[in-house]
Amino acid sequence: QVVLVDSGGGLVQAGGSLRLSCAADSRRPYYNYAMGWFRRAPGKDREFVAAISGIGSSTTLYTDSVKGRFTISRDDAEKVLYLQMNSLKPEDTATYYCAASRYDRASSASYEYMYWGQGTQVTVSS
């Protein structure tokens, strides 16, 4: 049963921008908790990208390689999670996954996330 649907990936040149979206099933309460973005590059393990705390708070967390370039945000009225990616680099090429946590706190630990989107491909050409 699909509960998170992520989209917005594509092919972009280095230095370009993309905005990823993750739509949550409004009937489920998990959206109230922290949410995050992870990515998996070809031949590599899944890695944390960014996270935002649950509704009512605005704490964000980023992996060092995307700080200053990526911004995570959420539209609580529409129950949509976003990842604005600017100044993209070829090393950002990966499949990106949104995820919903079981806790309120923003976290980089993948085991804290209960639900996962199907992934959206981001390819950055040099």
C-alpha atoms as a PDB file:
ATOM      1  CA  GLN A   1       0.000   0.000   0.000  1.00  0.00           C
ATOM      2  CA  VAL A   2       1.517   3.257  -1.174  1.00  0.00           C
ATOM      3  CA  VAL A   3       1.602   5.933   1.493  1.00  0.00           C
ATOM      4  CA  LEU A   4       4.322   8.274   0.204  1.00  0.00           C
ATOM      5  CA  VAL A   5       4.711   9.332  -3.407  1.00  0.00           C
ATOM      6  CA  ASP A   6       7.860  11.187  -4.344  1.00  0.00           C
ATOM      7  CA  SER A   7       8.379  13.014  -7.627  1.00  0.00           C
ATOM      8  CA  GLY A   8      10.256  15.851  -9.287  1.00  0.00           C
ATOM      9  CA  GLY A   9      13.425  14.110 -10.364  1.00  0.00           C
ATOM     10  CA  GLY A  10      14.970  14.517 -13.773  1.00  0.00           C
ATOM     11  CA  LEU A  11      18.052  15.288 -15.795  1.00  0.00           C
ATOM     12  CA  VAL A  12      19.775  18.599 -15.146  1.00  0.00           C
ATOM     13  CA  GLN A  13      23.146  20.137 -15.915  1.00  0.00           C
ATOM     14  CA  ALA A  14      25.654  20.834 -13.192  1.00  0.00           C
ATOM     15  CA  GLY A  15      24.796  24.082 -11.459  1.00  0.00           C
ATOM     16  CA  GLY A  16      21.101  23.660 -12.117  1.00  0.00           C
ATOM     17  CA  SER A  17      18.187  23.184  -9.739  1.00  0.00           C
ATOM     18  CA  LEU A  18      15.410  20.712  -9.078  1.00  0.00           C
ATOM     19  CA  ARG A  19      12.636  20.530  -6.518  1.00  0.00           C
ATOM     20  CA  LEU A  20      11.561  17.148  -5.264  1.00  0.00           C
ATOM     21  CA  SER A  21       8.111  16.624  -3.777  1.00  0.00           C
ATOM     22  CA  CYS A  22       6.720  13.928  -1.518  1.00  0.00           C
ATOM     23  CA  ALA A  23       2.956  13.665  -1.159  1.00  0.00           C
ATOM     24  CA  ALA A  24       1.643  11.897   1.919  1.00  0.00           C
ATOM     25  CA  ASP A  25      -1.639  10.110   2.397  1.00  0.00           C
ATOM     26  CA  SER A  26      -3.638  12.650   4.388  1.00  0.00           C
ATOM     27  CA  ARG A  27      -5.611   9.918   6.122  1.00  0.00           C
ATOM     28  CA  ARG A  28      -2.559   8.683   7.968  1.00  0.00           C
ATOM     29  CA  PRO A  29      -1.088  10.422  11.018  1.00  0.00           C
ATOM     30  CA  TYR A  30       2.556   9.681  10.247  1.00  0.00           C
ATOM     31  CA  TYR A  31       2.867  12.949   8.389  1.00  0.00           C
ATOM     32  CA  ASN A  32       2.738  14.695  11.766  1.00  0.00           C
ATOM     33  CA  TYR A  33       6.143  13.257  12.616  1.00  0.00           C
ATOM     34  CA  ALA A  34       9.597  14.031  11.291  1.00  0.00           C
ATOM     35  CA  MET A  35      10.275  13.401   7.618  1.00  0.00           C
ATOM     36  CA  GLY A  36      13.427  13.074   5.626  1.00  0.00           C
ATOM     37  CA  TRP A  37      15.136  12.538   2.297  1.00  0.00           C
ATOM     38  CA  PHE A  38      17.673   9.850   1.560  1.00  0.00           C
ATOM     39  CA  ARG A  39      19.480   8.912  -1.636  1.00  0.00           C
ATOM     40  CA  ARG A  40      21.215   5.937  -3.172  1.00  0.00           C
ATOM     41  CA  ALA A  41      23.808   6.367  -5.898  1.00  0.00           C
ATOM     42  CA  PRO A  42      24.697   3.481  -8.215  1.00  0.00           C
ATOM     43  CA  GLY A  43      26.951   1.012  -6.438  1.00  0.00           C
ATOM     44  CA  LYS A  44      26.714   2.829  -3.128  1.00  0.00           C
ATOM     45  CA  ASP A  45      24.785   2.469   0.106  1.00  0.00           C
ATOM     46  CA  ARG A  46      21.769   4.581   0.883  1.00  0.00           C
ATOM     47  CA  GLU A  47      22.740   7.826   2.576  1.00  0.00           C
ATOM     48  CA  PHE A  48      20.966  10.498   4.536  1.00  0.00           C
ATOM     49  CA  VAL A  49      20.377  13.838   2.818  1.00  0.00           C
ATOM     50  CA  ALA A  50      18.076  15.998   4.939  1.00  0.00           C
ATOM     51  CA  ALA A  51      15.387  15.818   7.598  1.00  0.00           C
ATOM     52  CA  ILE A  52      12.823  18.090   9.183  1.00  0.00           C
ATOM     53  CA  SER A  53      11.132  17.716  12.555  1.00  0.00           C
ATOM     54  CA  GLY A  54       7.439  17.075  13.079  1.00  0.00           C
ATOM     55  CA  ILE A  55       4.540  19.497  12.770  1.00  0.00           C
ATOM     56  CA  GLY A  56       4.869  22.437  15.139  1.00  0.00           C
ATOM     57  CA  SER A  57       8.639  22.610  14.925  1.00  0.00           C
ATOM     58  CA  SER A  58      11.064  23.645  12.217  1.00  0.00           C
ATOM     59  CA  THR A  59      14.288  21.919  13.094  1.00  0.00           C
ATOM     60  CA  THR A  60      16.208  20.818  10.028  1.00  0.00           C
ATOM     61  CA  LEU A  61      19.209  18.580   9.586  1.00  0.00           C
ATOM     62  CA  TYR A  62      21.473  18.170   6.558  1.00  0.00           C
ATOM     63  CA  THR A  63      24.384  16.039   5.562  1.00  0.00           C
ATOM     64  CA  ASP A  64      27.513  18.141   5.132  1.00  0.00           C
ATOM     65  CA  SER A  65      27.761  17.676   1.382  1.00  0.00           C
ATOM     66  CA  VAL A  66      24.435  19.437   0.709  1.00  0.00           C
ATOM     67  CA  LYS A  67      24.504  22.200   3.314  1.00  0.00           C
ATOM     68  CA  GLY A  68      23.977  25.583   1.712  1.00  0.00           C
ATOM     69  CA  ARG A  69      22.673  24.007  -1.503  1.00  0.00           C
ATOM     70  CA  PHE A  70      19.617  21.964  -0.485  1.00  0.00           C
ATOM     71  CA  THR A  71      16.618  23.089   1.544  1.00  0.00           C
ATOM     72  CA  ILE A  72      14.039  20.775   3.082  1.00  0.00           C
ATOM     73  CA  SER A  73      10.589  22.140   3.864  1.00  0.00           C
ATOM     74  CA  ARG A  74       7.049  20.956   4.432  1.00  0.00           C
ATOM     75  CA  ASP A  75       3.609  22.301   3.558  1.00  0.00           C
ATOM     76  CA  ASP A  76       1.567  21.020   6.449  1.00  0.00           C
ATOM     77  CA  ALA A  77      -1.735  22.164   4.991  1.00  0.00           C
ATOM     78  CA  GLU A  78      -1.187  20.122   1.846  1.00  0.00           C
ATOM     79  CA  LYS A  79       0.854  17.386   3.561  1.00  0.00           C
ATOM     80  CA  VAL A  80       3.698  17.677   1.088  1.00  0.00           C
ATOM     81  CA  LEU A  81       7.417  17.461   1.802  1.00  0.00           C
ATOM     82  CA  TYR A  82       9.865  19.275  -0.463  1.00  0.00           C
ATOM     83  CA  LEU A  83      13.566  19.203  -1.189  1.00  0.00           C
ATOM     84  CA  GLN A  84      14.829  22.225  -3.094  1.00  0.00           C
ATOM     85  CA  MET A  85      18.169  21.367  -4.663  1.00  0.00           C
ATOM     86  CA  ASN A  86      20.334  24.160  -6.033  1.00  0.00           C
ATOM     87  CA  SER A  87      23.864  24.229  -7.439  1.00  0.00           C
ATOM     88  CA  LEU A  88      23.579  20.568  -8.295  1.00  0.00           C
ATOM     89  CA  LYS A  89      26.746  18.565  -8.850  1.00  0.00           C
ATOM     90  CA  PRO A  90      27.327  15.301 -10.752  1.00  0.00           C
ATOM     91  CA  GLU A  91      27.959  13.606  -7.399  1.00  0.00           C
ATOM     92  CA  ASP A  92      24.345  14.378  -6.440  1.00  0.00           C
ATOM     93  CA  THR A  93      23.213  11.857  -9.048  1.00  0.00           C
ATOM     94  CA  ALA A  94      21.139   9.222  -7.257  1.00  0.00           C
ATOM     95  CA  THR A  95      17.676   7.897  -6.622  1.00  0.00           C
ATOM     96  CA  TYR A  96      16.092  10.062  -3.943  1.00  0.00           C
ATOM     97  CA  TYR A  97      13.620   8.675  -1.412  1.00  0.00           C
ATOM     98  CA  CYS A  98      11.375  10.490   1.015  1.00  0.00           C
ATOM     99  CA  ALA A  99      10.614   8.857   4.331  1.00  0.00           C
ATOM    100  CA  ALA A 100       8.350   9.348   7.342  1.00  0.00           C
ATOM    101  CA  SER A 101       9.737   8.851  10.844  1.00  0.00           C
ATOM    102  CA  ARG A 102       8.135   7.323  13.903  1.00  0.00           C
ATOM    103  CA  TYR A 103       9.469  10.211  16.009  1.00  0.00           C
ATOM    104  CA  ASP A 104       9.126  13.985  16.162  1.00  0.00           C
ATOM    105  CA  ARG A 105      12.849  14.720  16.029  1.00  0.00           C
ATOM    106  CA  ALA A 106      14.742  15.197  12.793  1.00  0.00           C
ATOM    107  CA  SER A 107      17.200  12.340  12.431  1.00  0.00           C
ATOM    108  CA  SER A 108      19.742  10.959   9.999  1.00  0.00           C
ATOM    109  CA  ALA A 109      19.175   7.378  11.183  1.00  0.00           C
ATOM    110  CA  SER A 110      17.305   5.430   8.518  1.00  0.00           C
ATOM    111  CA  TYR A 111      16.017   2.869  11.048  1.00  0.00           C
ATOM    112  CA  GLU A 112      13.873   5.591  12.624  1.00  0.00           C
ATOM    113  CA  TYR A 113      11.843   5.916   9.431  1.00  0.00           C
ATOM    114  CA  MET A 114       8.796   3.711   9.003  1.00  0.00           C
ATOM    115  CA  TYR A 115       7.488   4.563   5.544  1.00  0.00           C
ATOM    116  CA  TRP A 116       9.351   5.141   2.314  1.00  0.00           C
ATOM    117  CA  GLY A 117       8.500   6.540  -1.087  1.00  0.00           C
ATOM    118  CA  GLN A 118       9.210   4.645  -4.264  1.00  0.00           C
ATOM    119  CA  GLY A 119      12.101   6.911  -5.262  1.00  0.00           C
ATOM    120  CA  THR A 120      12.680   9.527  -7.925  1.00  0.00           C
ATOM    121  CA  GLN A 121      15.783   9.620 -10.119  1.00  0.00           C
ATOM    122  CA  VAL A 122      18.023  12.678 -10.191  1.00  0.00           C
ATOM    123  CA  THR A 123      20.763  12.791 -12.803  1.00  0.00           C
ATOM    124  CA  VAL A 124      23.226  15.679 -12.951  1.00  0.00           C
ATOM    125  CA  SER A 125      25.374  15.937 -16.051  1.00  0.00           C
ATOM    126  CA  SER A 126      28.764  17.624 -16.066  1.00  0.00           C
END
